Protein backbone atom coordinates (compact mmCIF):
# COMPACT_ATOMS: atom_id res chain seq x y z
CA MET A 1 3.87 0.30 32.15
CA ASP A 2 6.10 -1.94 30.06
CA ILE A 3 8.98 -1.48 32.54
CA ILE A 4 6.70 -2.45 35.44
CA GLU A 5 5.44 -5.48 33.55
CA ASP A 6 8.99 -6.62 32.74
CA HIS A 7 10.21 -6.29 36.36
CA LYS A 8 7.02 -7.08 38.28
CA TYR A 9 8.44 -10.20 39.98
CA LYS A 10 11.41 -8.23 41.29
CA ILE A 11 9.04 -5.56 42.59
CA TYR A 12 6.84 -8.14 44.31
CA GLY A 13 9.91 -9.71 45.91
CA ALA A 14 11.12 -6.34 47.18
CA ILE A 15 7.71 -5.56 48.72
CA GLY A 16 7.54 -8.98 50.37
CA SER A 17 11.05 -8.62 51.76
CA THR A 18 10.22 -5.17 53.15
CA LEU A 19 7.15 -6.49 54.97
CA PHE A 20 9.13 -9.42 56.38
CA LEU A 21 11.87 -7.11 57.67
CA THR A 22 9.24 -4.82 59.21
CA ILE A 23 7.67 -7.73 61.09
CA ALA A 24 11.07 -8.95 62.27
CA TYR A 25 11.99 -5.47 63.44
CA LEU A 26 8.77 -5.06 65.40
CA TYR A 27 9.21 -8.47 66.99
CA TYR A 28 12.73 -7.62 68.05
CA LYS A 29 11.70 -4.22 69.36
CA TYR A 30 8.68 -5.22 71.38
CA LEU A 31 9.25 -8.84 72.42
CA SER A 32 12.92 -9.45 72.88
CA LYS A 33 13.41 -6.55 75.27
CA GLU A 34 10.44 -7.47 77.43
CA LYS A 35 12.15 -10.65 78.60
CA ASP A 36 14.61 -8.54 80.64
CA ILE A 37 11.84 -6.93 82.70
CA ILE A 38 11.44 -8.18 86.25
CA LEU A 39 8.11 -9.94 86.61
CA ASN A 40 7.69 -9.39 90.37
CA ASP A 41 5.71 -6.24 89.83
CA ASN A 42 2.06 -6.39 88.89
CA ASN A 43 2.29 -3.14 86.88
CA ASN A 44 5.21 -4.47 84.93
CA ILE A 45 3.33 -7.68 84.20
CA LYS A 46 0.32 -5.77 82.93
CA HIS A 47 2.55 -3.55 80.85
CA ILE A 48 4.24 -6.55 79.26
CA ILE A 49 0.93 -8.25 78.49
CA ASN A 50 -0.46 -5.09 76.88
CA LYS A 51 2.67 -4.66 74.78
CA GLN A 52 2.54 -8.27 73.62
CA ASN A 53 -1.14 -8.00 72.72
CA GLU A 54 -0.50 -4.81 70.76
CA THR A 55 2.39 -6.40 68.94
CA ASP A 56 0.32 -9.50 68.13
CA ARG A 57 -2.44 -7.38 66.65
CA LEU A 58 0.05 -5.42 64.58
CA ILE A 59 1.68 -8.61 63.29
CA LYS A 60 -1.69 -10.16 62.47
CA THR A 61 -2.72 -7.00 60.59
CA LEU A 62 0.50 -7.00 58.59
CA LEU A 63 0.14 -10.71 57.80
CA VAL A 64 -3.46 -10.25 56.66
CA LYS A 65 -2.51 -7.35 54.38
CA LEU A 66 0.48 -9.26 53.01
CA THR A 67 -1.73 -12.28 52.28
CA LYS A 68 -4.36 -10.12 50.53
CA PHE A 69 -1.65 -8.38 48.55
CA MET A 70 -0.14 -11.66 47.34
CA LYS A 71 -3.55 -13.12 46.48
CA TYR A 72 -4.55 -10.00 44.55
CA ASN A 73 -1.37 -9.98 42.47
CA LYS A 74 -1.62 -13.69 41.77
CA LEU A 75 -5.20 -13.22 40.53
CA ASN A 76 -4.23 -10.16 38.56
CA ASN A 77 -1.29 -11.98 36.96
CA ASP A 78 -3.54 -14.90 36.02
CA THR A 79 -6.07 -12.50 34.52
CA LEU A 80 -3.41 -10.73 32.48
CA LEU A 81 -2.06 -14.06 31.32
CA LEU A 82 -5.52 -15.22 30.20
CA ASP A 83 -6.10 -11.87 28.51
CA ARG A 84 -2.85 -12.21 26.58
CA LEU A 85 -3.72 -15.76 25.58
CA ASN A 86 -7.14 -14.65 24.40
CA LYS A 87 -5.73 -11.78 22.40
CA SER A 88 -3.21 -14.04 20.71
CA SER A 89 -5.91 -16.57 19.91
CA LEU A 90 -6.77 -17.23 16.29
CA PHE A 91 -10.38 -16.42 17.09
CA ASN A 92 -10.02 -13.24 19.11
CA LYS A 93 -7.63 -10.92 17.29
CA ASP A 94 -8.04 -7.16 17.31
CA TYR A 95 -7.73 -7.07 13.52
CA HIS A 96 -7.80 -9.44 10.57
CA THR A 97 -6.90 -9.39 6.89
CA ILE A 98 -9.07 -9.93 3.84
CA ARG A 99 -7.71 -10.95 0.45
CA ILE A 100 -9.62 -10.20 -2.73
CA ALA A 101 -8.89 -11.12 -6.33
CA VAL A 102 -9.93 -8.82 -9.18
CA ASP A 103 -9.95 -10.24 -12.71
CA SER A 104 -10.79 -7.94 -15.61
CA ILE A 105 -11.91 -10.90 -17.69
CA ASN A 106 -14.95 -11.31 -15.43
CA TYR A 107 -16.44 -7.88 -15.96
CA ASN A 108 -20.24 -7.57 -16.27
CA LYS A 109 -20.79 -11.29 -15.78
CA ASP A 110 -23.27 -12.96 -13.47
CA ASN A 111 -22.06 -13.40 -9.87
CA CYS A 112 -19.25 -10.93 -10.43
CA ASN A 113 -18.79 -7.42 -9.14
CA CYS A 114 -16.49 -5.98 -11.80
CA ILE A 115 -17.34 -3.23 -14.26
CA LYS A 116 -14.98 -2.55 -17.13
CA ASP A 117 -14.98 1.03 -18.40
CA THR A 118 -15.48 1.38 -22.17
CA ASN A 119 -14.27 -2.18 -22.71
CA ASN A 120 -10.83 -1.32 -21.37
CA PRO A 121 -9.45 -3.98 -18.98
CA ASN A 122 -7.04 -1.41 -17.54
CA LYS A 123 -9.81 0.74 -16.06
CA ILE A 124 -12.23 -1.32 -13.99
CA THR A 125 -14.39 -0.89 -10.91
CA TYR A 126 -14.71 -3.60 -8.28
CA LEU A 127 -17.90 -3.28 -6.21
CA PHE A 128 -18.23 -4.66 -2.69
CA THR A 129 -22.00 -4.24 -2.78
CA ASN A 130 -24.73 -5.51 -5.07
CA SER A 131 -25.55 -2.82 -7.63
CA ASP A 132 -28.33 -3.83 -9.99
CA ASP A 133 -28.52 -0.39 -11.56
CA GLN A 134 -25.02 -0.92 -12.99
CA GLY A 135 -25.77 -4.33 -14.43
CA ILE A 136 -24.19 -6.35 -11.66
CA GLY A 137 -25.80 -9.65 -10.76
CA GLY A 138 -23.33 -10.70 -8.08
CA LEU A 139 -24.14 -11.04 -4.40
CA GLY A 140 -21.40 -8.73 -3.20
CA MET A 141 -19.54 -8.93 0.12
CA GLY A 142 -20.98 -5.70 1.49
CA ILE A 143 -19.31 -2.45 2.51
CA ILE A 144 -16.07 -3.14 4.38
CA HIS A 145 -15.78 -0.91 7.45
CA ASN A 146 -12.74 0.01 9.55
CA VAL A 147 -10.15 -0.63 6.85
CA ILE A 148 -6.75 0.58 8.10
CA GLY A 149 -4.33 -1.07 5.63
CA PHE A 150 -4.13 -1.91 1.94
CA LYS A 151 -1.44 -3.48 -0.21
CA LEU A 152 -0.88 -5.33 -3.46
CA ILE A 153 -0.01 -9.02 -3.08
CA LYS A 154 0.46 -10.04 -6.71
CA ALA A 155 -0.47 -9.03 -10.24
CA ILE A 156 -0.49 -10.52 -13.72
CA ILE A 157 -0.29 -7.85 -16.42
CA PRO A 158 0.28 -8.31 -20.15
CA ASN A 159 2.99 -6.28 -21.81
CA SER A 160 1.39 -4.53 -24.77
CA SER A 161 1.67 -6.50 -28.00
CA TYR A 162 1.95 -3.21 -29.93
CA ASN A 163 4.42 -0.41 -29.47
CA ILE A 164 2.32 1.81 -31.74
CA ASN A 165 -1.13 1.76 -30.14
CA ASN A 166 -4.09 3.97 -29.24
CA ASN A 167 -1.90 6.19 -27.07
CA ASN A 168 0.70 7.20 -29.71
CA CYS A 169 -0.75 6.58 -33.19
CA GLU A 170 -0.66 10.17 -34.54
CA PHE A 171 2.09 12.19 -36.20
CA VAL A 172 1.36 15.88 -36.83
CA TYR A 173 3.40 18.39 -38.81
CA LYS A 174 2.87 21.78 -40.43
CA ILE A 175 4.21 22.67 -43.84
CA GLY A 176 3.31 25.55 -46.16
CA GLY A 177 0.75 26.78 -43.64
CA ASN A 178 -1.15 23.47 -43.63
CA VAL A 179 -1.41 21.15 -40.63
CA GLU A 180 -1.18 17.49 -41.60
CA VAL A 181 -2.41 14.81 -39.18
CA VAL A 182 -1.01 11.40 -40.09
CA LYS A 183 -2.70 8.34 -38.59
CA LEU A 184 -0.36 5.42 -37.95
CA GLN A 185 -1.52 1.84 -38.15
CA LYS A 186 -1.38 0.17 -34.75
CA GLY A 187 1.08 -2.69 -34.49
CA ILE A 188 4.54 -3.85 -33.49
CA TYR A 189 7.39 -2.02 -35.22
CA SER A 190 11.14 -2.14 -35.16
CA PRO A 191 12.93 1.15 -35.94
CA GLU A 192 13.68 -0.10 -39.46
CA SER A 193 10.14 -1.27 -40.14
CA LEU A 194 8.74 2.03 -38.85
CA VAL A 195 10.99 3.95 -41.25
CA LYS A 196 9.83 1.81 -44.17
CA TYR A 197 6.19 2.18 -43.17
CA LEU A 198 6.29 6.00 -42.82
CA ASN A 199 8.16 6.53 -46.07
CA ASN A 200 5.33 4.72 -47.85
CA LEU A 201 2.45 6.24 -45.87
CA THR A 202 0.18 8.72 -47.61
CA GLY A 203 0.30 12.08 -45.90
CA PHE A 204 3.87 11.53 -44.75
CA LYS A 205 5.74 10.51 -47.91
CA ASP A 206 4.30 13.45 -49.86
CA ASN A 207 6.34 16.00 -47.91
CA LEU A 208 8.73 14.21 -45.54
CA LYS A 209 11.32 11.48 -45.39
CA ILE A 210 12.61 9.65 -42.33
CA THR A 211 15.85 7.71 -41.78
CA TYR A 212 17.28 5.72 -38.88
CA ASN A 213 20.86 5.47 -37.67
CA CYS A 214 21.38 2.04 -36.12
CA ILE A 215 24.64 3.20 -34.51
CA THR A 216 23.37 6.30 -32.70
CA LEU A 217 19.85 4.85 -32.33
CA GLN A 218 18.25 8.06 -33.56
CA PHE A 219 15.77 9.12 -36.25
CA THR A 220 16.19 11.99 -38.70
CA ILE A 221 13.11 13.56 -40.30
CA CYS A 222 13.63 15.90 -43.27
CA SER A 223 11.56 17.76 -45.81
CA ASN A 224 11.86 15.98 -49.17
CA ILE A 225 11.16 19.24 -50.96
CA SER A 226 13.80 21.24 -49.02
CA VAL A 227 11.45 23.64 -47.26
CA VAL A 228 11.17 24.66 -43.62
CA PHE A 229 8.46 22.80 -41.70
CA GLU A 230 7.28 22.20 -38.15
CA ILE A 231 6.81 18.96 -36.20
CA CYS A 232 3.94 19.46 -33.75
CA TRP A 233 4.94 17.04 -31.01
CA ASP A 234 2.83 19.06 -28.53
CA TYR A 235 -0.33 18.77 -30.64
CA ASN A 236 -2.06 16.28 -28.29
CA GLU A 237 -1.30 13.46 -25.86
CA LYS A 238 -0.79 10.94 -28.63
CA THR A 239 1.87 13.04 -30.37
CA LYS A 240 3.63 13.70 -27.06
CA ILE A 241 3.93 9.98 -26.37
CA LEU A 242 5.08 9.27 -29.93
CA ALA A 243 7.77 11.93 -29.47
CA ARG A 244 9.28 9.98 -26.57
CA TYR A 245 9.14 6.74 -28.54
CA MET A 246 11.03 8.36 -31.41
CA GLY A 247 13.58 10.13 -29.19
CA PHE A 248 12.20 13.70 -29.40
CA TYR A 249 11.21 16.09 -26.64
CA PRO A 250 7.42 16.71 -26.57
CA CYS A 251 7.52 20.28 -27.80
CA LYS A 252 7.15 21.99 -31.17
CA GLU A 253 10.13 21.67 -33.54
CA THR A 254 10.26 24.63 -35.90
CA GLY A 255 12.55 26.63 -38.21
CA TYR A 256 14.50 23.79 -39.89
CA LYS A 257 14.38 21.51 -42.88
CA CYS A 258 15.64 18.48 -40.88
CA TYR A 259 15.18 17.32 -37.31
CA LYS A 260 17.24 14.70 -35.50
CA SER A 261 16.18 12.80 -32.38
CA ASP A 262 17.19 14.61 -29.20
CA ILE A 263 17.88 11.37 -27.35
CA VAL A 264 18.03 7.69 -28.22
CA ILE A 265 14.70 6.12 -29.09
CA ASP A 266 12.66 4.13 -26.56
CA MET A 267 9.86 2.19 -28.24
CA SER A 268 8.66 0.40 -25.11
CA THR A 269 6.60 0.96 -21.98
CA PRO A 270 9.06 0.44 -19.09
CA TYR A 271 6.43 0.26 -16.35
CA VAL A 272 2.82 1.02 -15.46
CA ASP A 273 1.34 2.68 -12.38
CA LEU A 274 -1.42 0.94 -10.44
CA VAL A 275 -3.76 3.73 -9.26
CA ILE A 276 -6.67 3.36 -6.81
CA ASN A 277 -8.09 6.69 -5.65
CA GLN A 278 -10.05 5.24 -2.71
CA ILE A 279 -6.84 4.41 -0.81
CA PRO A 280 -5.44 7.25 1.37
CA ARG A 281 -2.23 8.88 0.23
CA ILE A 282 -0.28 7.69 3.28
CA ALA A 283 -0.50 4.11 1.95
CA CYS A 284 0.48 5.14 -1.60
CA ILE A 285 3.61 6.15 -3.48
CA ASP A 286 4.04 9.91 -3.59
CA THR A 287 4.62 11.45 -7.03
CA PRO A 288 4.55 15.05 -8.33
CA CYS A 289 1.33 14.31 -10.24
CA GLY A 290 -0.52 13.60 -6.99
CA LYS A 291 -1.90 10.21 -8.04
CA HIS A 292 -2.82 7.51 -5.51
CA ILE A 293 -0.26 5.00 -6.78
CA ILE A 294 -0.39 1.65 -5.01
CA ASP A 295 2.63 0.26 -6.84
CA ARG A 296 4.81 0.83 -9.90
CA ILE A 297 4.96 -2.40 -11.87
CA PRO A 298 7.86 -3.00 -14.31
CA LEU A 299 7.09 -4.53 -17.71
CA ASP A 300 10.43 -6.24 -18.21
CA VAL A 301 9.11 -8.99 -20.49
CA CYS A 302 8.81 -9.28 -24.27
CA PHE A 303 5.95 -7.67 -26.16
CA GLY A 304 2.75 -9.68 -25.75
CA GLU A 305 3.99 -11.69 -22.75
CA ASN A 306 2.51 -11.64 -19.25
CA LYS A 307 4.35 -9.99 -16.41
CA TYR A 308 3.99 -11.96 -13.15
CA TYR A 309 4.64 -9.46 -10.38
CA GLU A 310 4.90 -9.83 -6.61
CA PRO A 311 6.16 -6.92 -4.51
CA ASN A 312 9.48 -7.58 -2.83
CA CYS A 313 10.05 -8.00 0.89
CA CYS A 314 10.24 -4.25 1.55
CA ASN A 315 6.47 -4.13 1.07
CA GLU A 316 6.05 -6.24 4.21
CA LYS A 317 6.16 -2.94 6.07
CA GLN A 318 3.16 -0.83 5.28
CA ASN A 319 1.76 2.48 6.42
CA TYR A 320 -1.58 2.25 8.19
CA PHE A 321 -4.24 4.95 8.06
CA LEU A 322 -7.29 6.03 10.01
CA PRO A 323 -10.27 3.68 9.55
CA ILE A 324 -12.24 4.10 6.33
CA SER A 325 -15.15 2.30 4.69
CA LEU A 326 -14.82 0.82 1.20
CA ASP A 327 -17.74 0.05 -1.08
CA ARG A 328 -15.71 -0.06 -4.29
CA LEU A 329 -12.23 0.05 -5.83
CA ASP A 330 -11.63 2.07 -9.00
CA ILE A 331 -8.57 0.32 -10.43
CA VAL A 332 -6.59 2.00 -13.21
CA LEU A 333 -3.34 1.04 -14.93
CA GLU A 334 -1.66 4.18 -16.23
CA ASP A 335 1.07 4.66 -18.79
CA PRO A 336 3.88 6.67 -17.15
CA VAL A 337 3.88 9.24 -19.95
CA TYR A 338 1.25 11.92 -19.26
CA ASN A 339 -0.80 9.51 -17.14
CA THR A 340 -2.80 8.02 -19.99
CA ILE A 341 -4.59 4.70 -19.51
CA TYR A 342 -2.31 1.83 -20.41
CA ASP A 343 -3.17 0.17 -23.74
CA SER A 344 -2.74 -3.61 -23.73
CA GLN A 345 -4.97 -4.27 -26.76
CA ASN A 346 -7.74 -5.47 -24.44
CA LEU A 347 -5.63 -8.29 -22.99
CA ASN A 348 -6.85 -9.01 -19.47
CA ASN A 349 -5.08 -8.68 -16.15
CA THR A 350 -5.60 -9.88 -12.58
CA PHE A 351 -4.77 -8.46 -9.15
CA GLU A 352 -4.73 -9.77 -5.61
CA PHE A 353 -5.05 -7.28 -2.76
CA GLU A 354 -4.89 -7.56 1.02
CA LEU A 355 -7.02 -5.35 3.27
CA THR A 356 -6.30 -4.95 6.99
CA VAL A 357 -9.52 -4.46 8.95
CA ILE A 358 -10.12 -3.69 12.64
CA LYS A 359 -12.17 -6.49 14.18
CA ASN A 360 -12.49 -5.72 17.89
CA THR A 361 -13.35 -2.04 17.79
CA LYS A 362 -14.03 -1.94 21.56
CA ASN A 363 -10.46 -2.96 22.35
CA ILE A 364 -8.95 -0.55 19.83
CA GLY A 365 -11.20 2.40 20.62
CA LEU A 366 -11.82 3.22 16.95
CA PHE A 367 -15.00 2.94 14.97
CA ASN A 368 -16.37 3.90 11.57
């Protein structure tokens, strides 16, 4: 159909030329030769008159059909032109976009549809409908039907002020058959200040001693009573994350009196994953963990500073999905290590999303 549309004027010209040549041929065949016939015979005269009448009728028929054909195509072309103009109009598009802003600071307030989970700004629910049973007093924009696209426009996320926080504040070891769970005070530490803190912390200093090599960027943890002990990095999620911070693999270390970091330390959170489970996987980033990741946001700013993030130009192209209805968005920021909820010490964040919604469902042939 596209080829016909592109070359329609050539096609119309060819048809018109063919009809013209047909008329000319018939005229030549039936009229020009009749002039040579001798008109002194009544039969010949009648024959000529009949032939001319027949030719006239044929020519008139062809002209009528040609005229109708041209009028029809002109009308059809005008209709298609108007249809294209209407479809390209600002007021008659087949789809439109909706932008929404979600601010965690506004949770559970009047005229707002945000719910913060357990006072954590990094796990919130944005409701599109009024929900009095959940303490929401806002009017709500109603369920959004026929959503076929979703993308992040911008985000403002604070980089955690602490590198020792709720997600990595436990150190566990086993010595002499006893398991010792050491609670670390949450805060911002340098490698040197962490060494000083642990060597003076009750529960740690009684049996262990830690040092830091500023050249190799590695820790060494030894028994200060020269006995074999175990470091239980796999004890829980908090110890696993602390292991990465201190340069150890998240598995049990056993059979030695001293343990040295397996890799260089990394006491930062390099990025966070923005997860919204309501969005189909085709519009998300695929990962082995199977999460519905909308975007992976780098935290390449200093501790305690805000990261202002806008996806780059490659996000202009998005994958669309079959129409769905949305009545809520469960928005979670996850720490990349073991998919724990990101800890920003309750500092608030904000997001701006764009939804693509089918408007003229009759033209598209889809409904929900």
